[in-house]
């Protein structure tokens, strides 16, 4: 993968993490990897645990980042969330968000799926 794309993705994830922290969330994990993929951000506030997929784009040329989170990605994130919960012995109200960062602007869709 092109290093500039990796850097853009890391920058977007950091920007989204700061967005959540400003809203009172704690970052519980970043880029948690399992076979087949990763969870970009795991956040917590009270008894709520949020699994967030982050899509960063330098422009809207290839569509909105949210559009890139299809049914297969959603299914993967749900399965991976269960694995994360078991690995960390955590329980709580779960939410799956999708965050899109385009030209530095953060847009979070809470409870996206």
N, C-alpha and C. Protein backbone atom coordinates (compact mmCIF):
# COMPACT_ATOMS: atom_id res chain seq x y z
N UNK A 1 0.85 -1.19 0.00
CA UNK A 1 0.00 0.00 0.00
C UNK A 1 0.89 1.24 0.00
N UNK A 2 0.46 2.22 -0.70
CA UNK A 2 1.17 3.49 -0.81
C UNK A 2 1.29 4.13 0.59
N UNK A 3 2.51 4.48 0.97
CA UNK A 3 2.77 5.07 2.30
C UNK A 3 1.96 6.34 2.52
N UNK A 4 1.73 7.13 1.49
CA UNK A 4 0.96 8.36 1.66
C UNK A 4 -0.49 8.04 2.03
N UNK A 5 -1.03 6.95 1.52
CA UNK A 5 -2.40 6.54 1.88
C UNK A 5 -2.45 6.08 3.33
N UNK A 6 -1.42 5.36 3.76
CA UNK A 6 -1.35 4.92 5.15
C UNK A 6 -1.28 6.13 6.07
N UNK A 7 -0.43 7.09 5.72
CA UNK A 7 -0.29 8.30 6.54
C UNK A 7 -1.61 9.08 6.59
N UNK A 8 -2.32 9.17 5.47
CA UNK A 8 -3.60 9.85 5.44
C UNK A 8 -4.59 9.15 6.36
N UNK A 9 -4.63 7.82 6.31
CA UNK A 9 -5.53 7.06 7.17
C UNK A 9 -5.21 7.25 8.64
N UNK A 10 -3.93 7.22 8.98
CA UNK A 10 -3.51 7.41 10.38
C UNK A 10 -3.89 8.81 10.86
N UNK A 11 -3.69 9.80 10.00
CA UNK A 11 -4.05 11.17 10.35
C UNK A 11 -5.56 11.28 10.60
N UNK A 12 -6.36 10.67 9.74
CA UNK A 12 -7.81 10.70 9.90
C UNK A 12 -8.26 10.02 11.18
N UNK A 13 -7.66 8.87 11.49
CA UNK A 13 -8.01 8.16 12.71
C UNK A 13 -7.67 8.99 13.95
N UNK A 14 -6.52 9.65 13.93
CA UNK A 14 -6.14 10.50 15.06
C UNK A 14 -7.12 11.66 15.21
N UNK A 15 -7.54 12.23 14.10
CA UNK A 15 -8.49 13.35 14.13
C UNK A 15 -9.84 12.90 14.70
N UNK A 16 -10.29 11.72 14.31
CA UNK A 16 -11.55 11.18 14.83
C UNK A 16 -11.41 10.85 16.32
N UNK A 17 -10.28 10.28 16.72
CA UNK A 17 -10.05 9.98 18.14
C UNK A 17 -10.15 11.25 18.97
N UNK A 18 -9.56 12.34 18.50
CA UNK A 18 -9.64 13.63 19.22
C UNK A 18 -11.08 14.12 19.29
N UNK A 19 -11.84 13.90 18.22
CA UNK A 19 -13.26 14.28 18.19
C UNK A 19 -14.02 13.57 19.31
N UNK A 20 -13.81 12.27 19.43
CA UNK A 20 -14.48 11.51 20.49
C UNK A 20 -13.99 11.92 21.88
N UNK A 21 -12.70 12.12 22.02
CA UNK A 21 -12.17 12.54 23.33
C UNK A 21 -12.78 13.87 23.76
N UNK A 22 -12.96 14.78 22.83
CA UNK A 22 -13.57 16.07 23.14
C UNK A 22 -15.03 15.90 23.59
N UNK A 23 -15.65 14.79 23.18
CA UNK A 23 -17.03 14.50 23.56
C UNK A 23 -17.10 13.64 24.83
N UNK A 24 -15.94 13.42 25.47
CA UNK A 24 -15.93 12.70 26.74
C UNK A 24 -15.67 11.21 26.67
N UNK A 25 -15.29 10.71 25.52
CA UNK A 25 -14.98 9.29 25.37
C UNK A 25 -13.51 9.03 25.67
N UNK A 26 -13.23 7.82 26.12
CA UNK A 26 -11.86 7.34 26.27
C UNK A 26 -11.55 6.44 25.09
N UNK A 27 -10.35 6.57 24.56
CA UNK A 27 -9.91 5.67 23.50
C UNK A 27 -9.41 4.40 24.19
N UNK A 28 -10.11 3.30 23.95
CA UNK A 28 -9.76 2.02 24.57
C UNK A 28 -8.77 1.23 23.71
N UNK A 29 -8.85 1.43 22.41
CA UNK A 29 -7.94 0.72 21.50
C UNK A 29 -7.93 1.44 20.16
N UNK A 30 -6.78 1.31 19.49
CA UNK A 30 -6.63 1.84 18.12
C UNK A 30 -6.03 0.74 17.26
N UNK A 31 -6.58 0.59 16.07
CA UNK A 31 -6.05 -0.37 15.10
C UNK A 31 -5.86 -1.75 15.72
N UNK A 32 -6.90 -2.25 16.37
CA UNK A 32 -6.85 -3.58 16.97
C UNK A 32 -6.99 -4.61 15.86
N UNK A 33 -5.96 -5.42 15.71
CA UNK A 33 -5.89 -6.34 14.57
C UNK A 33 -6.22 -7.78 14.96
N UNK A 34 -6.95 -8.40 14.06
CA UNK A 34 -7.20 -9.83 14.09
C UNK A 34 -7.03 -10.35 12.67
N UNK A 35 -7.02 -11.66 12.55
CA UNK A 35 -6.88 -12.22 11.20
C UNK A 35 -8.00 -11.70 10.30
N UNK A 36 -7.62 -11.13 9.21
CA UNK A 36 -8.61 -10.65 8.25
C UNK A 36 -8.89 -9.16 8.31
N UNK A 37 -8.37 -8.46 9.30
CA UNK A 37 -8.63 -7.02 9.34
C UNK A 37 -8.39 -6.42 10.71
N UNK A 38 -9.00 -5.27 10.90
CA UNK A 38 -8.80 -4.54 12.16
C UNK A 38 -10.00 -3.68 12.48
N UNK A 39 -10.07 -3.28 13.74
CA UNK A 39 -11.03 -2.27 14.17
C UNK A 39 -10.24 -0.99 14.35
N UNK A 40 -10.67 0.08 13.68
CA UNK A 40 -9.92 1.33 13.72
C UNK A 40 -9.88 1.93 15.12
N UNK A 41 -11.04 2.13 15.72
CA UNK A 41 -11.10 2.74 17.05
C UNK A 41 -12.12 2.01 17.91
N UNK A 42 -11.75 1.80 19.17
CA UNK A 42 -12.69 1.32 20.18
C UNK A 42 -12.70 2.38 21.26
N UNK A 43 -13.90 2.86 21.57
CA UNK A 43 -14.05 3.98 22.51
C UNK A 43 -15.02 3.60 23.61
N UNK A 44 -14.87 4.24 24.74
CA UNK A 44 -15.78 3.98 25.84
C UNK A 44 -16.17 5.25 26.57
N UNK A 45 -17.41 5.23 27.05
CA UNK A 45 -17.91 6.32 27.91
C UNK A 45 -18.99 5.70 28.77
N UNK A 46 -18.77 5.70 30.06
CA UNK A 46 -19.71 5.03 30.96
C UNK A 46 -19.75 3.55 30.63
N UNK A 47 -20.96 3.00 30.46
CA UNK A 47 -21.09 1.58 30.13
C UNK A 47 -21.24 1.36 28.62
N UNK A 48 -20.99 2.38 27.84
CA UNK A 48 -21.12 2.30 26.38
C UNK A 48 -19.77 2.03 25.74
N UNK A 49 -19.76 1.10 24.80
CA UNK A 49 -18.56 0.79 24.04
C UNK A 49 -18.89 1.03 22.57
N UNK A 50 -18.04 1.84 21.93
CA UNK A 50 -18.25 2.22 20.53
C UNK A 50 -17.13 1.64 19.68
N UNK A 51 -17.51 0.94 18.63
CA UNK A 51 -16.57 0.45 17.63
C UNK A 51 -16.74 1.35 16.41
N UNK A 52 -15.66 2.01 16.03
CA UNK A 52 -15.76 3.02 14.97
C UNK A 52 -14.86 2.66 13.79
N UNK A 53 -15.45 2.61 12.62
CA UNK A 53 -14.71 2.44 11.38
C UNK A 53 -14.47 3.84 10.81
N UNK A 54 -13.22 4.13 10.51
CA UNK A 54 -12.85 5.46 10.01
C UNK A 54 -12.46 5.36 8.55
N UNK A 55 -13.03 6.23 7.73
CA UNK A 55 -12.68 6.32 6.32
C UNK A 55 -12.22 7.75 6.04
N UNK A 56 -10.98 7.87 5.60
CA UNK A 56 -10.41 9.19 5.33
C UNK A 56 -10.21 9.35 3.83
N UNK A 57 -10.65 10.46 3.32
CA UNK A 57 -10.51 10.76 1.90
C UNK A 57 -9.91 12.16 1.75
N UNK A 58 -9.06 12.31 0.75
CA UNK A 58 -8.51 13.63 0.48
C UNK A 58 -9.48 14.47 -0.34
N UNK A 59 -10.45 13.80 -0.97
CA UNK A 59 -11.48 14.50 -1.73
C UNK A 59 -12.70 13.59 -1.83
N UNK A 60 -13.75 14.10 -2.40
CA UNK A 60 -14.96 13.31 -2.61
C UNK A 60 -14.98 12.61 -3.96
N UNK A 61 -13.87 12.61 -4.62
CA UNK A 61 -13.78 12.07 -5.99
C UNK A 61 -14.27 10.63 -6.10
N UNK A 62 -13.99 9.81 -5.08
CA UNK A 62 -14.38 8.40 -5.13
C UNK A 62 -15.57 8.10 -4.22
N UNK A 63 -16.36 9.12 -3.94
CA UNK A 63 -17.53 8.95 -3.11
C UNK A 63 -17.25 9.27 -1.65
N UNK A 64 -18.31 9.29 -0.90
CA UNK A 64 -18.24 9.57 0.53
C UNK A 64 -17.67 8.36 1.24
N UNK A 65 -16.85 8.59 2.25
CA UNK A 65 -16.22 7.49 2.98
C UNK A 65 -17.20 6.50 3.57
N UNK A 66 -18.34 6.99 4.00
CA UNK A 66 -19.35 6.13 4.61
C UNK A 66 -19.82 5.06 3.62
N UNK A 67 -19.84 5.40 2.36
CA UNK A 67 -20.29 4.46 1.33
C UNK A 67 -19.38 3.23 1.23
N UNK A 68 -18.17 3.33 1.73
CA UNK A 68 -17.20 2.24 1.65
C UNK A 68 -17.42 1.17 2.72
N UNK A 69 -18.36 1.40 3.62
CA UNK A 69 -18.62 0.43 4.68
C UNK A 69 -19.88 -0.35 4.32
N UNK A 70 -19.68 -1.38 3.52
CA UNK A 70 -20.79 -2.20 3.05
C UNK A 70 -21.15 -3.30 4.04
N UNK A 71 -22.05 -4.17 3.61
CA UNK A 71 -22.57 -5.22 4.49
C UNK A 71 -21.47 -6.18 4.93
N UNK A 72 -20.54 -6.53 4.06
CA UNK A 72 -19.46 -7.45 4.44
C UNK A 72 -18.57 -6.84 5.53
N UNK A 73 -18.26 -5.57 5.39
CA UNK A 73 -17.44 -4.88 6.40
C UNK A 73 -18.21 -4.80 7.72
N UNK A 74 -19.50 -4.52 7.64
CA UNK A 74 -20.32 -4.46 8.85
C UNK A 74 -20.34 -5.81 9.57
N UNK A 75 -20.50 -6.89 8.82
CA UNK A 75 -20.51 -8.22 9.41
C UNK A 75 -19.16 -8.53 10.06
N UNK A 76 -18.08 -8.17 9.37
CA UNK A 76 -16.75 -8.38 9.93
C UNK A 76 -16.58 -7.60 11.23
N UNK A 77 -17.02 -6.34 11.24
CA UNK A 77 -16.87 -5.51 12.44
C UNK A 77 -17.67 -6.07 13.61
N UNK A 78 -18.85 -6.60 13.35
CA UNK A 78 -19.66 -7.19 14.42
C UNK A 78 -18.95 -8.42 15.01
N UNK A 79 -18.45 -9.28 14.14
CA UNK A 79 -17.73 -10.47 14.63
C UNK A 79 -16.47 -10.08 15.40
N UNK A 80 -15.75 -9.12 14.87
CA UNK A 80 -14.50 -8.70 15.50
C UNK A 80 -14.77 -8.01 16.83
N UNK A 81 -15.87 -7.29 16.93
CA UNK A 81 -16.24 -6.64 18.19
C UNK A 81 -16.44 -7.68 19.29
N UNK A 82 -17.08 -8.80 18.96
CA UNK A 82 -17.28 -9.87 19.94
C UNK A 82 -15.92 -10.40 20.40
N UNK A 83 -15.00 -10.57 19.45
CA UNK A 83 -13.65 -11.04 19.79
C UNK A 83 -12.95 -10.04 20.69
N UNK A 84 -13.08 -8.75 20.39
CA UNK A 84 -12.46 -7.71 21.22
C UNK A 84 -13.06 -7.75 22.63
N UNK A 85 -14.38 -7.83 22.73
CA UNK A 85 -15.03 -7.86 24.04
C UNK A 85 -14.55 -9.04 24.87
N UNK A 86 -14.46 -10.21 24.25
CA UNK A 86 -13.97 -11.40 24.96
C UNK A 86 -12.52 -11.23 25.39
N UNK A 87 -11.68 -10.71 24.50
CA UNK A 87 -10.26 -10.55 24.80
C UNK A 87 -10.01 -9.55 25.92
N UNK A 88 -10.91 -8.59 26.08
CA UNK A 88 -10.74 -7.54 27.09
C UNK A 88 -11.68 -7.70 28.28
N UNK A 89 -12.46 -8.79 28.27
CA UNK A 89 -13.41 -9.07 29.34
C UNK A 89 -14.28 -7.85 29.63
N UNK A 90 -14.84 -7.28 28.58
CA UNK A 90 -15.67 -6.07 28.70
C UNK A 90 -17.09 -6.38 28.26
N UNK A 91 -18.02 -5.71 28.88
CA UNK A 91 -19.43 -5.78 28.50
C UNK A 91 -20.00 -4.38 28.61
N UNK A 92 -21.09 -4.15 27.92
CA UNK A 92 -21.74 -2.85 27.98
C UNK A 92 -22.68 -2.68 26.80
N UNK A 93 -23.23 -1.51 26.68
CA UNK A 93 -24.07 -1.18 25.52
C UNK A 93 -23.13 -0.97 24.34
N UNK A 94 -23.42 -1.61 23.24
CA UNK A 94 -22.55 -1.52 22.06
C UNK A 94 -23.15 -0.59 21.02
N UNK A 95 -22.24 0.07 20.32
CA UNK A 95 -22.66 0.93 19.21
C UNK A 95 -21.60 0.84 18.12
N UNK A 96 -22.05 0.85 16.88
CA UNK A 96 -21.14 0.81 15.74
C UNK A 96 -21.29 2.11 14.97
N UNK A 97 -20.23 2.91 14.97
CA UNK A 97 -20.23 4.19 14.27
C UNK A 97 -19.35 4.10 13.04
N UNK A 98 -19.62 4.99 12.10
CA UNK A 98 -18.74 5.17 10.95
C UNK A 98 -18.37 6.65 10.91
N UNK A 99 -17.07 6.91 10.81
CA UNK A 99 -16.60 8.30 10.73
C UNK A 99 -15.94 8.51 9.38
N UNK A 100 -16.31 9.60 8.75
CA UNK A 100 -15.70 9.98 7.48
C UNK A 100 -14.94 11.27 7.68
N UNK A 101 -13.72 11.29 7.19
CA UNK A 101 -12.90 12.50 7.24
C UNK A 101 -12.60 12.86 5.79
N UNK A 102 -13.08 14.01 5.37
CA UNK A 102 -12.85 14.49 4.01
C UNK A 102 -12.37 15.92 4.08
N UNK A 103 -11.19 16.15 3.52
CA UNK A 103 -10.58 17.49 3.53
C UNK A 103 -10.51 18.07 4.95
N UNK A 104 -10.23 17.20 5.92
CA UNK A 104 -10.07 17.65 7.30
C UNK A 104 -11.34 17.77 8.10
N UNK A 105 -12.47 17.58 7.47
CA UNK A 105 -13.77 17.69 8.15
C UNK A 105 -14.22 16.31 8.64
N UNK A 106 -14.54 16.22 9.93
CA UNK A 106 -14.97 14.96 10.54
C UNK A 106 -16.49 14.91 10.56
N UNK A 107 -17.04 13.80 10.07
CA UNK A 107 -18.47 13.54 10.14
C UNK A 107 -18.66 12.15 10.74
N UNK A 108 -19.33 12.07 11.87
CA UNK A 108 -19.55 10.80 12.54
C UNK A 108 -21.02 10.42 12.42
N UNK A 109 -21.27 9.22 11.96
CA UNK A 109 -22.62 8.68 11.93
C UNK A 109 -22.71 7.68 13.07
N UNK A 110 -23.41 8.08 14.12
CA UNK A 110 -23.57 7.22 15.28
C UNK A 110 -24.59 6.14 14.98
N UNK A 111 -24.34 4.95 15.53
CA UNK A 111 -25.24 3.80 15.35
C UNK A 111 -25.53 3.60 13.85
N UNK A 112 -24.47 3.62 13.07
CA UNK A 112 -24.60 3.52 11.61
C UNK A 112 -25.17 2.18 11.16
N UNK A 113 -24.93 1.15 11.95
CA UNK A 113 -25.48 -0.17 11.64
C UNK A 113 -25.59 -0.99 12.90
